[in-house]
Amino acid sequence: MRNNAVEALLKERDKLVIARDEAAARFNDEIMGLETAIEKLSGKKVWEAAKEIAYDDEHPDYIKASIED
């Protein structure tokens, strides 16, 4: 009986591993498609086209990292 239970769990595990790998492959394909579109539209690689974060300590929503006098 224990062997049957282990076999059933191993089969279920295998199914989940296959589903995970298929999902990862699908996400990777979609990400690659988006990156290709970004590159074609902007003429830059994704990491080059990414918005740069500018810190403006004069802005009222700026969160100060330390206590300032």
N, C-alpha and C. Protein backbone atom coordinates (compact mmCIF):
# COMPACT_ATOMS: atom_id res chain seq x y z
N MET A 1 0.82 -1.20 0.00
CA MET A 1 0.00 0.00 0.00
C MET A 1 0.86 1.26 0.00
N ARG A 2 1.93 1.25 0.74
CA ARG A 2 2.79 2.42 0.80
C ARG A 2 3.41 2.71 -0.56
N ASN A 3 3.78 1.69 -1.28
CA ASN A 3 4.37 1.89 -2.61
C ASN A 3 3.38 2.52 -3.56
N ASN A 4 2.10 2.13 -3.47
CA ASN A 4 1.07 2.72 -4.34
C ASN A 4 0.90 4.20 -4.02
N ALA A 5 0.93 4.55 -2.75
CA ALA A 5 0.78 5.95 -2.35
C ALA A 5 1.96 6.77 -2.85
N VAL A 6 3.16 6.23 -2.71
CA VAL A 6 4.36 6.92 -3.18
C VAL A 6 4.31 7.07 -4.69
N GLU A 7 3.90 6.01 -5.38
CA GLU A 7 3.79 6.08 -6.85
C GLU A 7 2.80 7.15 -7.27
N ALA A 8 1.66 7.23 -6.60
CA ALA A 8 0.64 8.22 -6.94
C ALA A 8 1.18 9.63 -6.70
N LEU A 9 1.88 9.81 -5.60
CA LEU A 9 2.45 11.13 -5.32
C LEU A 9 3.52 11.50 -6.34
N LEU A 10 4.33 10.55 -6.74
CA LEU A 10 5.36 10.81 -7.74
C LEU A 10 4.74 11.18 -9.09
N LYS A 11 3.66 10.50 -9.46
CA LYS A 11 2.97 10.83 -10.71
C LYS A 11 2.39 12.24 -10.66
N GLU A 12 1.77 12.58 -9.52
CA GLU A 12 1.21 13.93 -9.37
C GLU A 12 2.31 14.98 -9.42
N ARG A 13 3.44 14.68 -8.77
CA ARG A 13 4.59 15.58 -8.81
C ARG A 13 5.07 15.79 -10.24
N ASP A 14 5.18 14.71 -10.98
CA ASP A 14 5.63 14.80 -12.38
C ASP A 14 4.68 15.67 -13.20
N LYS A 15 3.37 15.52 -12.97
CA LYS A 15 2.40 16.35 -13.69
C LYS A 15 2.61 17.83 -13.37
N LEU A 16 2.83 18.12 -12.09
CA LEU A 16 3.03 19.50 -11.68
C LEU A 16 4.33 20.08 -12.23
N VAL A 17 5.38 19.28 -12.26
CA VAL A 17 6.65 19.74 -12.82
C VAL A 17 6.50 20.06 -14.30
N ILE A 18 5.78 19.22 -15.02
CA ILE A 18 5.54 19.46 -16.45
C ILE A 18 4.72 20.73 -16.63
N ALA A 19 3.67 20.91 -15.83
CA ALA A 19 2.84 22.11 -15.93
C ALA A 19 3.66 23.35 -15.62
N ARG A 20 4.53 23.28 -14.60
CA ARG A 20 5.39 24.42 -14.24
C ARG A 20 6.32 24.77 -15.39
N ASP A 21 6.94 23.77 -15.98
CA ASP A 21 7.87 24.02 -17.07
C ASP A 21 7.16 24.61 -18.29
N GLU A 22 5.94 24.14 -18.57
CA GLU A 22 5.18 24.69 -19.69
C GLU A 22 4.80 26.15 -19.42
N ALA A 23 4.40 26.44 -18.19
CA ALA A 23 4.04 27.82 -17.84
C ALA A 23 5.26 28.73 -17.93
N ALA A 24 6.40 28.26 -17.44
CA ALA A 24 7.62 29.06 -17.51
C ALA A 24 8.00 29.33 -18.96
N ALA A 25 7.88 28.32 -19.80
CA ALA A 25 8.20 28.50 -21.22
C ALA A 25 7.25 29.51 -21.86
N ARG A 26 5.97 29.44 -21.51
CA ARG A 26 4.98 30.38 -22.07
C ARG A 26 5.29 31.80 -21.61
N PHE A 27 5.59 31.98 -20.33
CA PHE A 27 5.93 33.32 -19.83
C PHE A 27 7.20 33.84 -20.49
N ASN A 28 8.20 32.99 -20.64
CA ASN A 28 9.44 33.41 -21.29
C ASN A 28 9.19 33.86 -22.72
N ASP A 29 8.33 33.12 -23.43
CA ASP A 29 7.99 33.50 -24.81
C ASP A 29 7.29 34.86 -24.85
N GLU A 30 6.36 35.08 -23.92
CA GLU A 30 5.64 36.35 -23.89
C GLU A 30 6.58 37.51 -23.53
N ILE A 31 7.47 37.28 -22.58
CA ILE A 31 8.43 38.30 -22.19
C ILE A 31 9.35 38.62 -23.36
N MET A 32 9.80 37.60 -24.06
CA MET A 32 10.69 37.81 -25.20
C MET A 32 9.98 38.62 -26.29
N GLY A 33 8.70 38.33 -26.50
CA GLY A 33 7.93 39.09 -27.48
C GLY A 33 7.81 40.56 -27.10
N LEU A 34 7.56 40.81 -25.82
CA LEU A 34 7.47 42.19 -25.35
C LEU A 34 8.81 42.91 -25.47
N GLU A 35 9.88 42.22 -25.11
CA GLU A 35 11.21 42.84 -25.21
C GLU A 35 11.56 43.15 -26.66
N THR A 36 11.19 42.27 -27.57
CA THR A 36 11.43 42.51 -28.99
C THR A 36 10.65 43.72 -29.46
N ALA A 37 9.39 43.83 -29.04
CA ALA A 37 8.56 44.97 -29.42
C ALA A 37 9.14 46.27 -28.87
N ILE A 38 9.59 46.25 -27.61
CA ILE A 38 10.19 47.44 -27.00
C ILE A 38 11.44 47.85 -27.78
N GLU A 39 12.25 46.86 -28.12
CA GLU A 39 13.48 47.15 -28.86
C GLU A 39 13.18 47.74 -30.24
N LYS A 40 12.16 47.19 -30.92
CA LYS A 40 11.81 47.70 -32.24
C LYS A 40 11.25 49.13 -32.17
N LEU A 41 10.43 49.39 -31.15
CA LEU A 41 9.81 50.71 -31.06
C LEU A 41 10.77 51.78 -30.55
N SER A 42 11.63 51.41 -29.61
CA SER A 42 12.51 52.42 -29.01
C SER A 42 13.90 52.42 -29.63
N GLY A 43 14.27 51.35 -30.29
CA GLY A 43 15.62 51.25 -30.84
C GLY A 43 16.65 50.94 -29.77
N LYS A 44 16.19 50.59 -28.57
CA LYS A 44 17.09 50.30 -27.46
C LYS A 44 16.72 48.95 -26.84
N LYS A 45 17.69 48.37 -26.16
CA LYS A 45 17.41 47.17 -25.38
C LYS A 45 16.51 47.55 -24.21
N VAL A 46 15.83 46.58 -23.64
CA VAL A 46 14.88 46.85 -22.56
C VAL A 46 15.55 47.59 -21.40
N TRP A 47 16.71 47.13 -20.99
CA TRP A 47 17.38 47.77 -19.85
C TRP A 47 17.86 49.17 -20.18
N GLU A 48 18.04 49.48 -21.46
CA GLU A 48 18.42 50.83 -21.86
C GLU A 48 17.20 51.72 -21.95
N ALA A 49 16.05 51.15 -22.28
CA ALA A 49 14.82 51.92 -22.46
C ALA A 49 14.06 52.09 -21.15
N ALA A 50 14.45 51.35 -20.12
CA ALA A 50 13.73 51.43 -18.85
C ALA A 50 13.83 52.84 -18.27
N LYS A 51 12.75 53.25 -17.67
CA LYS A 51 12.69 54.59 -17.10
C LYS A 51 13.68 54.69 -15.94
N GLU A 52 14.45 55.74 -15.97
CA GLU A 52 15.38 55.98 -14.88
C GLU A 52 14.63 56.64 -13.73
N ILE A 53 14.93 56.21 -12.53
CA ILE A 53 14.30 56.79 -11.36
C ILE A 53 15.12 57.98 -10.89
N ALA A 54 14.50 59.10 -10.88
CA ALA A 54 15.19 60.31 -10.42
C ALA A 54 14.69 60.65 -9.03
N TYR A 55 15.61 60.93 -8.15
CA TYR A 55 15.26 61.31 -6.79
C TYR A 55 15.32 62.83 -6.68
N ASP A 56 14.24 63.39 -6.23
CA ASP A 56 14.14 64.84 -6.13
C ASP A 56 13.82 65.19 -4.69
N ASP A 57 14.83 65.60 -3.95
CA ASP A 57 14.61 65.89 -2.54
C ASP A 57 13.85 67.20 -2.32
N GLU A 58 13.59 67.93 -3.39
CA GLU A 58 12.79 69.14 -3.28
C GLU A 58 11.30 68.82 -3.47
N HIS A 59 11.00 67.64 -3.94
CA HIS A 59 9.62 67.26 -4.19
C HIS A 59 8.93 66.95 -2.85
N PRO A 60 7.68 67.38 -2.66
CA PRO A 60 7.02 67.16 -1.37
C PRO A 60 6.76 65.68 -1.05
N ASP A 61 6.73 64.81 -2.06
CA ASP A 61 6.50 63.38 -1.82
C ASP A 61 7.79 62.61 -1.61
N TYR A 62 8.91 63.29 -1.63
CA TYR A 62 10.21 62.65 -1.46
C TYR A 62 10.32 62.12 -0.02
N ILE A 63 10.72 60.88 0.11
CA ILE A 63 10.92 60.30 1.44
C ILE A 63 12.40 60.38 1.76
N LYS A 64 12.71 61.07 2.80
CA LYS A 64 14.10 61.26 3.18
C LYS A 64 14.64 60.00 3.84
N ALA A 65 15.86 59.64 3.48
CA ALA A 65 16.47 58.42 3.98
C ALA A 65 17.00 58.58 5.39
N SER A 66 17.27 59.79 5.79
CA SER A 66 17.80 60.01 7.14
C SER A 66 17.16 61.28 7.71
N ILE A 67 17.32 61.43 8.98
CA ILE A 67 16.78 62.63 9.63
C ILE A 67 17.68 63.80 9.30
N GLU A 68 17.07 64.82 8.73
CA GLU A 68 17.85 66.00 8.36
C GLU A 68 17.41 67.19 9.23
N ASP A 69 18.35 68.05 9.54
CA ASP A 69 18.04 69.23 10.39
C ASP A 69 17.24 70.26 9.65
